[in-house]
C-alpha atoms as a PDB file:
ATOM      1  CA  MET A   1       0.000   0.000   0.000  1.00  0.00           C
ATOM      2  CA  GLU A   2       1.372   3.428  -0.911  1.00  0.00           C
ATOM      3  CA  PHE A   3       0.268   6.767   0.445  1.00  0.00           C
ATOM      4  CA  GLY A   4       1.369  10.356   0.769  1.00  0.00           C
ATOM      5  CA  PRO A   5       3.465  12.557  -1.505  1.00  0.00           C
ATOM      6  CA  LYS A   6       6.612  10.496  -1.062  1.00  0.00           C
ATOM      7  CA  GLY A   7       4.914   7.239  -1.980  1.00  0.00           C
ATOM      8  CA  GLU A   8       5.633   5.586   1.359  1.00  0.00           C
ATOM      9  CA  THR A   9       5.253   1.817   1.285  1.00  0.00           C
ATOM     10  CA  LEU A  10       3.529   0.106   4.194  1.00  0.00           C
ATOM     11  CA  VAL A  11       3.982  -3.543   4.941  1.00  0.00           C
ATOM     12  CA  MET A  12       1.511  -4.947   7.455  1.00  0.00           C
ATOM     13  CA  GLU A  13       1.794  -8.505   8.650  1.00  0.00           C
ATOM     14  CA  HIS A  14      -0.036 -10.633  11.197  1.00  0.00           C
ATOM     15  CA  VAL A  15       2.074 -12.435  13.780  1.00  0.00           C
ATOM     16  CA  PRO A  16       0.284 -15.400  15.355  1.00  0.00           C
ATOM     17  CA  ALA A  17      -0.131 -16.096  19.061  1.00  0.00           C
ATOM     18  CA  ALA A  18       2.034 -13.294  20.431  1.00  0.00           C
ATOM     19  CA  HIS A  19       0.533 -10.535  22.649  1.00  0.00           C
ATOM     20  CA  THR A  20      -2.854 -11.896  21.482  1.00  0.00           C
ATOM     21  CA  ASP A  21      -3.888 -13.945  18.462  1.00  0.00           C
ATOM     22  CA  THR A  22      -4.649 -10.840  16.360  1.00  0.00           C
ATOM     23  CA  ASP A  23      -1.410  -8.830  16.435  1.00  0.00           C
ATOM     24  CA  ILE A  24       0.104  -7.062  13.453  1.00  0.00           C
ATOM     25  CA  TYR A  25       3.126  -4.896  12.911  1.00  0.00           C
ATOM     26  CA  VAL A  26       3.363  -2.061  10.394  1.00  0.00           C
ATOM     27  CA  HIS A  27       6.629  -1.368   8.592  1.00  0.00           C
ATOM     28  CA  PHE A  28       6.988   2.080   7.031  1.00  0.00           C
ATOM     29  CA  GLU A  29       9.791   1.060   4.682  1.00  0.00           C
ATOM     30  CA  LYS A  30      10.980   4.407   3.315  1.00  0.00           C
ATOM     31  CA  ALA A  31      10.753   6.120   6.704  1.00  0.00           C
ATOM     32  CA  ASN A  32      12.572   3.140   8.298  1.00  0.00           C
ATOM     33  CA  VAL A  33      10.008   2.888  11.109  1.00  0.00           C
ATOM     34  CA  ILE A  34       8.315  -0.235  12.477  1.00  0.00           C
ATOM     35  CA  GLN A  35       5.190   0.108  14.631  1.00  0.00           C
ATOM     36  CA  MET A  36       4.958  -2.977  16.834  1.00  0.00           C
ATOM     37  CA  GLY A  37       2.113  -1.947  19.112  1.00  0.00           C
ATOM     38  CA  ASP A  38       1.787  -4.259  22.110  1.00  0.00           C
ATOM     39  CA  LEU A  39       4.254  -6.745  20.634  1.00  0.00           C
ATOM     40  CA  PHE A  40       6.936  -4.545  22.234  1.00  0.00           C
ATOM     41  CA  PHE A  41       6.887  -2.917  25.671  1.00  0.00           C
ATOM     42  CA  SER A  42       9.978  -0.752  25.813  1.00  0.00           C
ATOM     43  CA  TRP A  43      11.869  -1.258  29.080  1.00  0.00           C
ATOM     44  CA  MET A  44       9.064  -2.979  30.987  1.00  0.00           C
ATOM     45  CA  TYR A  45       7.549  -6.420  31.357  1.00  0.00           C
ATOM     46  CA  PRO A  46       4.824  -6.832  28.728  1.00  0.00           C
ATOM     47  CA  TYR A  47       1.267  -8.019  29.040  1.00  0.00           C
ATOM     48  CA  ILE A  48       0.647 -11.202  27.066  1.00  0.00           C
ATOM     49  CA  ASP A  49      -3.014 -12.202  27.094  1.00  0.00           C
ATOM     50  CA  PRO A  50      -3.528 -15.960  27.463  1.00  0.00           C
ATOM     51  CA  SER A  51      -7.320 -15.527  27.232  1.00  0.00           C
ATOM     52  CA  THR A  52      -6.979 -14.325  23.625  1.00  0.00           C
ATOM     53  CA  GLY A  53      -4.351 -16.829  22.499  1.00  0.00           C
ATOM     54  CA  GLY A  54      -1.225 -14.893  23.435  1.00  0.00           C
ATOM     55  CA  THR A  55       1.965 -16.837  24.163  1.00  0.00           C
ATOM     56  CA  ILE A  56       5.455 -15.934  25.240  1.00  0.00           C
ATOM     57  CA  THR A  57       6.893 -18.118  22.482  1.00  0.00           C
ATOM     58  CA  GLY A  58       4.878 -16.180  19.901  1.00  0.00           C
ATOM     59  CA  THR A  59       6.015 -12.879  21.397  1.00  0.00           C
ATOM     60  CA  ILE A  60       9.633 -14.030  21.082  1.00  0.00           C
ATOM     61  CA  ALA A  61       8.977 -15.071  17.468  1.00  0.00           C
ATOM     62  CA  ALA A  62       7.466 -11.632  16.746  1.00  0.00           C
ATOM     63  CA  ALA A  63      10.554  -9.911  18.174  1.00  0.00           C
ATOM     64  CA  ASP A  64      12.761 -12.180  16.054  1.00  0.00           C
ATOM     65  CA  LYS A  65      10.741 -11.298  12.943  1.00  0.00           C
ATOM     66  CA  ILE A  66      11.103  -7.559  13.553  1.00  0.00           C
ATOM     67  CA  LEU A  67      14.804  -7.920  14.352  1.00  0.00           C
ATOM     68  CA  SER A  68      15.256  -9.597  10.951  1.00  0.00           C
ATOM     69  CA  LEU A  69      13.683  -6.527   9.280  1.00  0.00           C
ATOM     70  CA  ALA A  70      15.283  -3.780  11.357  1.00  0.00           C
ATOM     71  CA  GLY A  71      18.580  -2.089  10.731  1.00  0.00           C
ATOM     72  CA  ASN A  72      20.636  -0.290  13.334  1.00  0.00           C
ATOM     73  CA  ASP A  73      18.935   3.013  12.404  1.00  0.00           C
ATOM     74  CA  THR A  74      15.358   1.689  12.355  1.00  0.00           C
ATOM     75  CA  LYS A  75      12.990   3.401  14.774  1.00  0.00           C
ATOM     76  CA  ILE A  76      10.795   0.859  16.566  1.00  0.00           C
ATOM     77  CA  VAL A  77       7.559   2.144  18.068  1.00  0.00           C
ATOM     78  CA  ALA A  78       6.483   0.283  21.193  1.00  0.00           C
ATOM     79  CA  GLY A  79       2.938  -0.117  22.421  1.00  0.00           C
ATOM     80  CA  HIS A  80       4.142   1.103  25.819  1.00  0.00           C
ATOM     81  CA  GLY A  81       7.302   2.943  26.764  1.00  0.00           C
ATOM     82  CA  PRO A  82       9.703   5.157  24.845  1.00  0.00           C
ATOM     83  CA  LEU A  83      10.622   4.911  21.180  1.00  0.00           C
ATOM     84  CA  GLY A  84      13.090   2.071  20.681  1.00  0.00           C
ATOM     85  CA  ASN A  85      15.621   0.763  18.237  1.00  0.00           C
ATOM     86  CA  LYS A  86      17.107  -2.597  17.262  1.00  0.00           C
ATOM     87  CA  ALA A  87      19.332  -2.727  20.359  1.00  0.00           C
ATOM     88  CA  ASP A  88      16.331  -2.054  22.636  1.00  0.00           C
ATOM     89  CA  LEU A  89      14.254  -4.748  20.918  1.00  0.00           C
ATOM     90  CA  THR A  90      17.172  -7.179  21.221  1.00  0.00           C
ATOM     91  CA  LYS A  91      17.321  -6.575  24.980  1.00  0.00           C
ATOM     92  CA  PHE A  92      13.537  -7.050  25.206  1.00  0.00           C
ATOM     93  CA  ARG A  93      13.739 -10.311  23.240  1.00  0.00           C
ATOM     94  CA  ASP A  94      16.593 -11.551  25.445  1.00  0.00           C
ATOM     95  CA  MET A  95      14.529 -10.768  28.566  1.00  0.00           C
ATOM     96  CA  LEU A  96      11.609 -12.718  27.092  1.00  0.00           C
ATOM     97  CA  ILE A  97      13.815 -15.741  26.401  1.00  0.00           C
ATOM     98  CA  THR A  98      15.320 -15.627  29.900  1.00  0.00           C
ATOM     99  CA  SER A  99      11.836 -15.319  31.416  1.00  0.00           C
ATOM    100  CA  ARG A 100      10.467 -18.212  29.370  1.00  0.00           C
ATOM    101  CA  ASP A 101      13.391 -20.482  30.169  1.00  0.00           C
ATOM    102  CA  ARG A 102      13.302 -19.804  33.900  1.00  0.00           C
ATOM    103  CA  VAL A 103       9.556 -20.280  34.296  1.00  0.00           C
ATOM    104  CA  GLU A 104       9.532 -23.291  31.982  1.00  0.00           C
ATOM    105  CA  LYS A 105      12.114 -24.936  34.257  1.00  0.00           C
ATOM    106  CA  LEU A 106       9.963 -24.268  37.340  1.00  0.00           C
ATOM    107  CA  LYS A 107       6.785 -25.456  35.613  1.00  0.00           C
ATOM    108  CA  SER A 108       8.510 -28.612  34.350  1.00  0.00           C
ATOM    109  CA  ALA A 109       9.647 -29.314  37.909  1.00  0.00           C
ATOM    110  CA  GLY A 110       5.969 -29.396  38.931  1.00  0.00           C
ATOM    111  CA  LYS A 111       5.785 -25.967  40.595  1.00  0.00           C
ATOM    112  CA  SER A 112       2.414 -24.229  40.579  1.00  0.00           C
ATOM    113  CA  ALA A 113       2.179 -20.639  39.358  1.00  0.00           C
ATOM    114  CA  GLN A 114       2.161 -19.399  42.975  1.00  0.00           C
ATOM    115  CA  GLU A 115       5.175 -21.559  43.845  1.00  0.00           C
ATOM    116  CA  ALA A 116       6.953 -20.160  40.784  1.00  0.00           C
ATOM    117  CA  VAL A 117       6.188 -16.616  41.988  1.00  0.00           C
ATOM    118  CA  ALA A 118       7.620 -17.483  45.419  1.00  0.00           C
ATOM    119  CA  GLU A 119      10.914 -18.546  43.769  1.00  0.00           C
ATOM    120  CA  LYS A 120      11.405 -14.931  42.573  1.00  0.00           C
ATOM    121  CA  PRO A 121      12.922 -16.049  39.251  1.00  0.00           C
ATOM    122  CA  PHE A 122      13.238 -12.472  37.944  1.00  0.00           C
ATOM    123  CA  ALA A 123      14.903 -10.832  40.938  1.00  0.00           C
ATOM    124  CA  ASP A 124      17.893  -9.878  38.772  1.00  0.00           C
ATOM    125  CA  LEU A 125      15.661  -8.487  35.992  1.00  0.00           C
ATOM    126  CA  ASP A 126      13.239  -6.456  38.083  1.00  0.00           C
ATOM    127  CA  SER A 127      15.304  -3.279  38.390  1.00  0.00           C
ATOM    128  CA  ALA A 128      15.450  -2.948  34.598  1.00  0.00           C
ATOM    129  CA  TRP A 129      12.046  -4.376  33.614  1.00  0.00           C
ATOM    130  CA  GLY A 130       9.744  -4.349  36.657  1.00  0.00           C
ATOM    131  CA  ASN A 131       8.868  -0.665  36.825  1.00  0.00           C
ATOM    132  CA  GLY A 132       6.028  -0.571  34.327  1.00  0.00           C
ATOM    133  CA  ILE A 133       2.469  -1.782  34.035  1.00  0.00           C
ATOM    134  CA  ILE A 134       3.290  -5.388  35.018  1.00  0.00           C
ATOM    135  CA  ASN A 135       5.214  -6.184  38.205  1.00  0.00           C
ATOM    136  CA  SER A 136       7.489  -9.176  38.722  1.00  0.00           C
ATOM    137  CA  GLU A 137       4.874 -11.391  40.372  1.00  0.00           C
ATOM    138  CA  GLN A 138       2.377 -10.708  37.593  1.00  0.00           C
ATOM    139  CA  TRP A 139       5.040 -11.363  34.960  1.00  0.00           C
ATOM    140  CA  VAL A 140       5.850 -14.788  36.443  1.00  0.00           C
ATOM    141  CA  GLN A 141       2.147 -15.684  36.325  1.00  0.00           C
ATOM    142  CA  ILE A 142       1.731 -14.407  32.760  1.00  0.00           C
ATOM    143  CA  VAL A 143       4.722 -16.383  31.542  1.00  0.00           C
ATOM    144  CA  TYR A 144       3.518 -19.472  33.390  1.00  0.00           C
ATOM    145  CA  LEU A 145       0.041 -19.250  31.847  1.00  0.00           C
ATOM    146  CA  THR A 146       1.312 -18.619  28.313  1.00  0.00           C
ATOM    147  CA  LEU A 147       3.738 -21.536  28.159  1.00  0.00           C
END
């Protein structure tokens, strides 16, 4: 789709089972901007909605997809938090992978969601990521439910 005097090209693509089951990103190719919406929470734990088909694995896959499209100068618009770039999205993706792996280990060991919360698996991540909409305890439960 093209619009505007400069003939900007928009690429819109659905990413399955990420924040929800109906997420899209929009890539403004000439402007070198990617709007991720709630697929990216800049510098805070995200909300992934298990009731609408959201999964942490899908959110990681969405971040990987955008990272494959983004250059070092690409502006990445988050659904929440400040404007980001490829380095910020990489840190977000790495936090998602760490979160998934830690909670998956607890869940596989037979821990309930509340027992997983009590383990405080994100104590080392909280200062960087736990100051937004979702706190550490909520994030453990979200990850647990979306695995």
